[in-house]
N, C-alpha and C. Protein backbone atom coordinates (compact mmCIF):
# COMPACT_ATOMS: atom_id res chain seq x y z
N MET A 1 -12.81 -1.78 -7.52
CA MET A 1 -12.54 -3.08 -6.96
C MET A 1 -11.32 -2.97 -6.05
N PHE A 2 -11.40 -3.59 -4.89
CA PHE A 2 -10.31 -3.60 -3.94
C PHE A 2 -10.21 -5.01 -3.39
N ASN A 3 -9.11 -5.68 -3.66
CA ASN A 3 -8.90 -7.04 -3.18
C ASN A 3 -7.74 -7.07 -2.20
N ILE A 4 -7.88 -7.87 -1.15
CA ILE A 4 -6.83 -8.06 -0.16
C ILE A 4 -6.64 -9.55 0.04
N SER A 5 -5.38 -9.96 0.02
CA SER A 5 -5.09 -11.36 0.34
C SER A 5 -3.91 -11.43 1.29
N LYS A 6 -3.99 -12.36 2.21
CA LYS A 6 -2.90 -12.57 3.16
C LYS A 6 -1.99 -13.64 2.57
N ARG A 7 -0.85 -13.20 2.08
CA ARG A 7 0.08 -14.08 1.37
C ARG A 7 0.89 -14.95 2.34
N SER A 8 1.19 -14.41 3.50
CA SER A 8 1.92 -15.16 4.53
C SER A 8 1.59 -14.53 5.88
N GLU A 9 2.22 -15.02 6.92
CA GLU A 9 1.95 -14.51 8.26
C GLU A 9 2.32 -13.04 8.43
N ASP A 10 3.22 -12.55 7.58
CA ASP A 10 3.66 -11.16 7.71
C ASP A 10 3.47 -10.35 6.42
N ARG A 11 2.60 -10.82 5.54
CA ARG A 11 2.47 -10.13 4.25
C ARG A 11 1.02 -10.06 3.79
N LEU A 12 0.64 -8.83 3.36
CA LEU A 12 -0.65 -8.62 2.71
C LEU A 12 -0.40 -8.11 1.29
N ASP A 13 -1.20 -8.59 0.35
CA ASP A 13 -1.20 -8.07 -1.01
C ASP A 13 -2.54 -7.38 -1.23
N LEU A 14 -2.45 -6.13 -1.74
CA LEU A 14 -3.65 -5.35 -2.00
C LEU A 14 -3.67 -4.99 -3.48
N GLU A 15 -4.86 -4.98 -4.06
CA GLU A 15 -5.01 -4.59 -5.46
C GLU A 15 -6.21 -3.66 -5.59
N LEU A 16 -5.97 -2.50 -6.19
CA LEU A 16 -7.00 -1.49 -6.39
C LEU A 16 -7.18 -1.25 -7.87
N SER A 17 -8.43 -1.23 -8.30
CA SER A 17 -8.75 -0.95 -9.69
C SER A 17 -10.10 -0.25 -9.74
N GLY A 18 -10.15 0.85 -10.47
CA GLY A 18 -11.41 1.56 -10.63
C GLY A 18 -11.73 2.46 -9.46
N VAL A 19 -12.98 2.86 -9.40
CA VAL A 19 -13.42 3.82 -8.40
C VAL A 19 -13.98 3.09 -7.17
N LEU A 20 -13.76 3.67 -5.99
CA LEU A 20 -14.32 3.12 -4.76
C LEU A 20 -15.43 4.05 -4.27
N ASP A 21 -16.60 3.47 -4.01
CA ASP A 21 -17.67 4.24 -3.38
C ASP A 21 -17.62 3.97 -1.88
N SER A 22 -18.55 4.53 -1.13
CA SER A 22 -18.49 4.42 0.33
C SER A 22 -18.61 2.97 0.81
N ASP A 23 -19.49 2.18 0.20
CA ASP A 23 -19.63 0.78 0.61
C ASP A 23 -18.37 -0.01 0.32
N ALA A 24 -17.80 0.18 -0.87
CA ALA A 24 -16.57 -0.54 -1.23
C ALA A 24 -15.42 -0.13 -0.32
N MET A 25 -15.33 1.16 0.00
CA MET A 25 -14.26 1.63 0.87
C MET A 25 -14.43 1.04 2.27
N ARG A 26 -15.63 1.05 2.80
CA ARG A 26 -15.89 0.48 4.13
C ARG A 26 -15.49 -0.99 4.16
N ASN A 27 -15.93 -1.74 3.16
CA ASN A 27 -15.60 -3.17 3.09
C ASN A 27 -14.10 -3.39 2.97
N ALA A 28 -13.43 -2.58 2.14
CA ALA A 28 -11.99 -2.71 1.94
C ALA A 28 -11.22 -2.41 3.22
N LEU A 29 -11.57 -1.33 3.89
CA LEU A 29 -10.86 -0.96 5.11
C LEU A 29 -11.10 -1.96 6.23
N ASP A 30 -12.34 -2.42 6.36
CA ASP A 30 -12.64 -3.44 7.36
C ASP A 30 -11.86 -4.72 7.08
N ALA A 31 -11.78 -5.12 5.82
CA ALA A 31 -11.04 -6.32 5.44
C ALA A 31 -9.54 -6.13 5.70
N PHE A 32 -9.02 -4.95 5.40
CA PHE A 32 -7.61 -4.67 5.64
C PHE A 32 -7.29 -4.76 7.13
N ILE A 33 -8.11 -4.16 7.95
CA ILE A 33 -7.89 -4.18 9.40
C ILE A 33 -7.97 -5.62 9.91
N GLU A 34 -8.94 -6.38 9.42
CA GLU A 34 -9.09 -7.77 9.85
C GLU A 34 -7.90 -8.63 9.40
N GLN A 35 -7.49 -8.49 8.15
CA GLN A 35 -6.38 -9.30 7.61
C GLN A 35 -5.06 -8.96 8.29
N ALA A 36 -4.91 -7.72 8.75
CA ALA A 36 -3.66 -7.29 9.39
C ALA A 36 -3.55 -7.77 10.84
N GLU A 37 -4.62 -8.31 11.37
CA GLU A 37 -4.61 -8.79 12.75
C GLU A 37 -3.48 -9.80 12.95
N GLY A 38 -2.67 -9.57 13.97
CA GLY A 38 -1.60 -10.50 14.30
C GLY A 38 -0.30 -10.30 13.53
N ILE A 39 -0.28 -9.43 12.55
CA ILE A 39 0.94 -9.19 11.78
C ILE A 39 1.90 -8.33 12.59
N GLN A 40 3.18 -8.68 12.53
CA GLN A 40 4.25 -7.88 13.12
C GLN A 40 5.37 -7.78 12.10
N ASN A 41 6.02 -6.61 12.04
CA ASN A 41 7.09 -6.39 11.07
C ASN A 41 6.64 -6.80 9.67
N GLY A 42 5.44 -6.38 9.32
CA GLY A 42 4.80 -6.82 8.09
C GLY A 42 5.28 -6.14 6.83
N LYS A 43 4.84 -6.73 5.72
CA LYS A 43 5.14 -6.23 4.39
C LYS A 43 3.83 -6.18 3.60
N MET A 44 3.75 -5.19 2.72
CA MET A 44 2.59 -5.07 1.84
C MET A 44 3.06 -4.89 0.41
N LEU A 45 2.35 -5.52 -0.50
CA LEU A 45 2.50 -5.25 -1.93
C LEU A 45 1.19 -4.64 -2.36
N TYR A 46 1.23 -3.40 -2.81
CA TYR A 46 0.02 -2.66 -3.15
C TYR A 46 0.06 -2.35 -4.64
N LYS A 47 -0.79 -3.04 -5.40
CA LYS A 47 -0.85 -2.89 -6.85
C LYS A 47 -2.04 -1.99 -7.20
N ILE A 48 -1.74 -0.88 -7.86
CA ILE A 48 -2.78 0.07 -8.24
C ILE A 48 -2.91 0.06 -9.75
N LEU A 49 -4.00 -0.51 -10.22
CA LEU A 49 -4.29 -0.56 -11.65
C LEU A 49 -5.19 0.62 -11.99
N ASP A 50 -5.88 0.66 -13.00
CA ASP A 50 -6.79 1.72 -13.45
C ASP A 50 -7.35 2.59 -12.33
N PHE A 51 -6.54 3.48 -11.80
CA PHE A 51 -6.92 4.30 -10.66
C PHE A 51 -7.94 5.37 -11.04
N GLU A 52 -8.95 5.50 -10.22
CA GLU A 52 -9.90 6.61 -10.30
C GLU A 52 -10.06 7.15 -8.88
N MET A 53 -10.27 8.44 -8.76
CA MET A 53 -10.44 9.04 -7.44
C MET A 53 -11.65 8.43 -6.74
N PRO A 54 -11.53 8.13 -5.44
CA PRO A 54 -12.68 7.62 -4.69
C PRO A 54 -13.77 8.69 -4.62
N THR A 55 -14.99 8.25 -4.40
CA THR A 55 -16.10 9.19 -4.26
C THR A 55 -15.95 9.95 -2.94
N MET A 56 -16.68 11.04 -2.81
CA MET A 56 -16.65 11.82 -1.56
C MET A 56 -17.10 10.96 -0.38
N GLY A 57 -18.09 10.12 -0.61
CA GLY A 57 -18.55 9.23 0.46
C GLY A 57 -17.46 8.26 0.89
N ALA A 58 -16.68 7.78 -0.07
CA ALA A 58 -15.58 6.87 0.25
C ALA A 58 -14.51 7.59 1.07
N LEU A 59 -14.22 8.83 0.72
CA LEU A 59 -13.24 9.60 1.48
C LEU A 59 -13.72 9.84 2.91
N ALA A 60 -15.02 10.07 3.07
CA ALA A 60 -15.58 10.26 4.42
C ALA A 60 -15.42 8.98 5.24
N VAL A 61 -15.66 7.83 4.61
CA VAL A 61 -15.49 6.55 5.30
C VAL A 61 -14.04 6.37 5.72
N GLU A 62 -13.11 6.74 4.83
CA GLU A 62 -11.69 6.61 5.15
C GLU A 62 -11.33 7.49 6.35
N LEU A 63 -11.85 8.70 6.38
CA LEU A 63 -11.58 9.59 7.51
C LEU A 63 -12.09 8.99 8.82
N GLN A 64 -13.24 8.34 8.77
CA GLN A 64 -13.80 7.71 9.96
C GLN A 64 -12.92 6.56 10.46
N HIS A 65 -12.22 5.90 9.54
CA HIS A 65 -11.37 4.76 9.88
C HIS A 65 -9.94 5.15 10.25
N LEU A 66 -9.58 6.42 10.12
CA LEU A 66 -8.19 6.84 10.33
C LEU A 66 -7.60 6.39 11.67
N PRO A 67 -8.31 6.54 12.79
CA PRO A 67 -7.68 6.10 14.06
C PRO A 67 -7.28 4.62 14.03
N LYS A 68 -8.13 3.76 13.51
CA LYS A 68 -7.81 2.34 13.42
C LYS A 68 -6.68 2.11 12.42
N LEU A 69 -6.70 2.85 11.31
CA LEU A 69 -5.68 2.66 10.28
C LEU A 69 -4.29 3.02 10.79
N PHE A 70 -4.18 4.07 11.59
CA PHE A 70 -2.88 4.44 12.13
C PHE A 70 -2.32 3.31 13.00
N GLY A 71 -3.18 2.67 13.76
CA GLY A 71 -2.74 1.53 14.57
C GLY A 71 -2.30 0.36 13.71
N VAL A 72 -3.02 0.10 12.64
CA VAL A 72 -2.70 -1.03 11.76
C VAL A 72 -1.42 -0.76 10.98
N ILE A 73 -1.23 0.44 10.51
CA ILE A 73 -0.04 0.77 9.72
C ILE A 73 1.23 0.51 10.54
N GLY A 74 1.16 0.68 11.84
CA GLY A 74 2.31 0.43 12.70
C GLY A 74 2.75 -1.03 12.72
N LYS A 75 1.94 -1.93 12.21
CA LYS A 75 2.28 -3.34 12.15
C LYS A 75 3.17 -3.66 10.95
N PHE A 76 3.32 -2.70 10.04
CA PHE A 76 4.07 -2.93 8.81
C PHE A 76 5.34 -2.10 8.78
N GLU A 77 6.39 -2.67 8.20
CA GLU A 77 7.63 -1.92 8.07
C GLU A 77 7.99 -1.62 6.62
N ARG A 78 7.42 -2.35 5.66
CA ARG A 78 7.73 -2.13 4.24
C ARG A 78 6.47 -2.25 3.40
N CYS A 79 6.42 -1.38 2.39
CA CYS A 79 5.31 -1.43 1.43
C CYS A 79 5.87 -1.12 0.05
N ALA A 80 5.65 -2.03 -0.89
CA ALA A 80 6.01 -1.80 -2.28
C ALA A 80 4.73 -1.42 -3.02
N VAL A 81 4.75 -0.29 -3.71
CA VAL A 81 3.59 0.19 -4.46
C VAL A 81 3.89 0.02 -5.95
N LEU A 82 3.01 -0.67 -6.64
CA LEU A 82 3.13 -0.87 -8.08
C LEU A 82 2.07 -0.05 -8.80
N SER A 83 2.49 0.85 -9.68
CA SER A 83 1.54 1.65 -10.46
C SER A 83 2.27 2.22 -11.67
N ASP A 84 1.53 2.38 -12.75
CA ASP A 84 2.09 3.02 -13.93
C ASP A 84 1.82 4.52 -13.94
N VAL A 85 1.17 5.02 -12.91
CA VAL A 85 0.87 6.45 -12.81
C VAL A 85 1.95 7.08 -11.94
N SER A 86 2.77 7.93 -12.55
CA SER A 86 3.94 8.45 -11.84
C SER A 86 3.58 9.28 -10.61
N TRP A 87 2.49 10.07 -10.66
CA TRP A 87 2.16 10.88 -9.49
C TRP A 87 1.71 10.02 -8.32
N ILE A 88 1.14 8.86 -8.59
CA ILE A 88 0.76 7.94 -7.51
C ILE A 88 2.02 7.37 -6.86
N ARG A 89 3.00 7.01 -7.68
CA ARG A 89 4.27 6.50 -7.12
C ARG A 89 4.94 7.57 -6.26
N THR A 90 4.93 8.81 -6.74
CA THR A 90 5.55 9.91 -5.98
C THR A 90 4.78 10.15 -4.68
N ALA A 91 3.45 10.19 -4.76
CA ALA A 91 2.63 10.41 -3.57
C ALA A 91 2.85 9.30 -2.54
N ALA A 92 2.99 8.08 -3.00
CA ALA A 92 3.22 6.96 -2.09
C ALA A 92 4.53 7.14 -1.33
N GLU A 93 5.56 7.57 -2.02
CA GLU A 93 6.85 7.75 -1.36
C GLU A 93 6.83 8.93 -0.40
N ILE A 94 6.09 9.97 -0.74
CA ILE A 94 5.94 11.10 0.19
C ILE A 94 5.22 10.63 1.44
N GLU A 95 4.18 9.84 1.25
CA GLU A 95 3.46 9.29 2.40
C GLU A 95 4.39 8.45 3.27
N GLY A 96 5.26 7.67 2.63
CA GLY A 96 6.22 6.87 3.37
C GLY A 96 7.18 7.72 4.18
N ALA A 97 7.53 8.88 3.64
CA ALA A 97 8.44 9.78 4.37
C ALA A 97 7.76 10.38 5.60
N LEU A 98 6.43 10.43 5.58
CA LEU A 98 5.68 11.01 6.69
C LEU A 98 5.33 9.99 7.78
N ILE A 99 5.50 8.71 7.48
CA ILE A 99 5.20 7.65 8.45
C ILE A 99 6.52 7.03 8.87
N PRO A 100 7.03 7.40 10.03
CA PRO A 100 8.38 6.99 10.43
C PRO A 100 8.61 5.48 10.47
N SER A 101 7.62 4.71 10.82
CA SER A 101 7.83 3.27 10.98
C SER A 101 7.66 2.48 9.69
N LEU A 102 7.30 3.14 8.59
CA LEU A 102 6.99 2.45 7.34
C LEU A 102 7.84 2.99 6.20
N THR A 103 8.52 2.09 5.51
CA THR A 103 9.27 2.46 4.31
C THR A 103 8.44 2.08 3.10
N ILE A 104 8.15 3.05 2.25
CA ILE A 104 7.38 2.81 1.03
C ILE A 104 8.28 3.06 -0.16
N LYS A 105 8.30 2.11 -1.06
CA LYS A 105 9.07 2.25 -2.29
C LYS A 105 8.13 1.94 -3.45
N SER A 106 8.19 2.75 -4.49
CA SER A 106 7.26 2.57 -5.60
C SER A 106 7.98 2.07 -6.84
N PHE A 107 7.21 1.36 -7.66
CA PHE A 107 7.73 0.74 -8.87
C PHE A 107 6.66 0.81 -9.96
N PRO A 108 7.07 0.88 -11.24
CA PRO A 108 6.08 0.74 -12.31
C PRO A 108 5.57 -0.71 -12.33
N LEU A 109 4.40 -0.92 -12.91
CA LEU A 109 3.80 -2.26 -12.94
C LEU A 109 4.73 -3.28 -13.59
N SER A 110 5.51 -2.85 -14.58
CA SER A 110 6.41 -3.76 -15.27
C SER A 110 7.56 -4.23 -14.39
N ALA A 111 7.75 -3.61 -13.24
CA ALA A 111 8.85 -3.97 -12.34
C ALA A 111 8.36 -4.77 -11.14
N ALA A 112 7.34 -5.59 -11.33
CA ALA A 112 6.78 -6.37 -10.23
C ALA A 112 7.83 -7.28 -9.59
N ALA A 113 8.71 -7.86 -10.40
CA ALA A 113 9.75 -8.75 -9.86
C ALA A 113 10.71 -7.96 -8.96
N ALA A 114 11.07 -6.75 -9.38
CA ALA A 114 11.95 -5.91 -8.57
C ALA A 114 11.26 -5.51 -7.26
N ALA A 115 9.97 -5.24 -7.33
CA ALA A 115 9.21 -4.88 -6.13
C ALA A 115 9.19 -6.06 -5.14
N GLU A 116 8.96 -7.25 -5.66
CA GLU A 116 8.97 -8.46 -4.82
C GLU A 116 10.34 -8.65 -4.19
N GLU A 117 11.39 -8.48 -4.99
CA GLU A 117 12.75 -8.66 -4.49
C GLU A 117 13.05 -7.65 -3.38
N TRP A 118 12.67 -6.39 -3.61
CA TRP A 118 12.90 -5.37 -2.58
C TRP A 118 12.12 -5.68 -1.32
N LEU A 119 10.87 -6.08 -1.50
CA LEU A 119 10.00 -6.35 -0.36
C LEU A 119 10.55 -7.48 0.50
N GLU A 120 11.10 -8.48 -0.12
CA GLU A 120 11.60 -9.65 0.61
C GLU A 120 13.09 -9.55 0.92
N GLY A 121 13.78 -8.57 0.34
CA GLY A 121 15.22 -8.47 0.50
C GLY A 121 15.65 -7.78 1.77
N SER A 122 16.96 -7.56 1.85
CA SER A 122 17.52 -6.93 3.04
C SER A 122 17.20 -5.45 3.06
N HIS A 123 17.25 -4.85 4.22
CA HIS A 123 16.97 -3.43 4.41
C HIS A 123 18.13 -2.56 3.99
N GLU A 124 19.29 -3.14 3.77
CA GLU A 124 20.47 -2.36 3.43
C GLU A 124 20.37 -1.72 2.06
N ASN A 125 19.59 -2.28 1.17
CA ASN A 125 19.55 -1.83 -0.22
C ASN A 125 18.32 -1.02 -0.56
N ASP A 126 17.74 -0.31 0.39
CA ASP A 126 16.50 0.41 0.17
C ASP A 126 16.58 1.41 -0.98
N ASP A 127 17.68 2.11 -1.17
CA ASP A 127 17.76 3.14 -2.20
C ASP A 127 18.79 2.83 -3.27
N SER A 128 19.14 1.60 -3.46
CA SER A 128 20.27 1.28 -4.31
C SER A 128 19.98 1.19 -5.79
N ASP A 129 18.73 1.00 -6.22
CA ASP A 129 18.52 0.70 -7.63
C ASP A 129 18.08 1.89 -8.48
N GLY A 130 17.77 3.02 -7.91
CA GLY A 130 17.41 4.19 -8.70
C GLY A 130 16.03 4.12 -9.33
N GLU A 131 15.27 3.06 -9.12
CA GLU A 131 13.94 2.94 -9.70
C GLU A 131 12.97 3.96 -9.14
N ASN A 132 13.31 4.54 -8.01
CA ASN A 132 12.37 5.34 -7.26
C ASN A 132 12.38 6.81 -7.59
N VAL A 133 12.96 7.20 -8.68
CA VAL A 133 13.04 8.62 -9.02
C VAL A 133 11.69 9.09 -9.49
N PRO A 134 11.11 10.12 -8.86
CA PRO A 134 9.81 10.62 -9.32
C PRO A 134 9.89 11.11 -10.76
N VAL A 135 8.85 10.84 -11.50
CA VAL A 135 8.81 11.21 -12.92
C VAL A 135 7.77 12.25 -13.16
């Protein structure tokens, strides 16, 4: 399951749970691209619940969408990732280090309030709380 909601003019909330097949991935990516239309200096809250690896077909769909996704990612400047899986949090932050225009900070699911605060807060405190240490 992949849900996307536009919380405000500059914010998308995404929620992933379970496995994505090719149809679900196509629908999710198309919805993400559509919802991101018109966003500038955007923020994302990405909640990853019961994660399972996407199917090979889903990965192929994602590869086909990469050119559009790179354009859409440029509309966002901050992304808070919520997950209780430590390697997902670490991978998200590595991905953020590879995308110059996007700062990604990860949090355990129990720290949703801290993630919201960081997402909406000032940019000066990006590394101040120590929550982001890979485990």
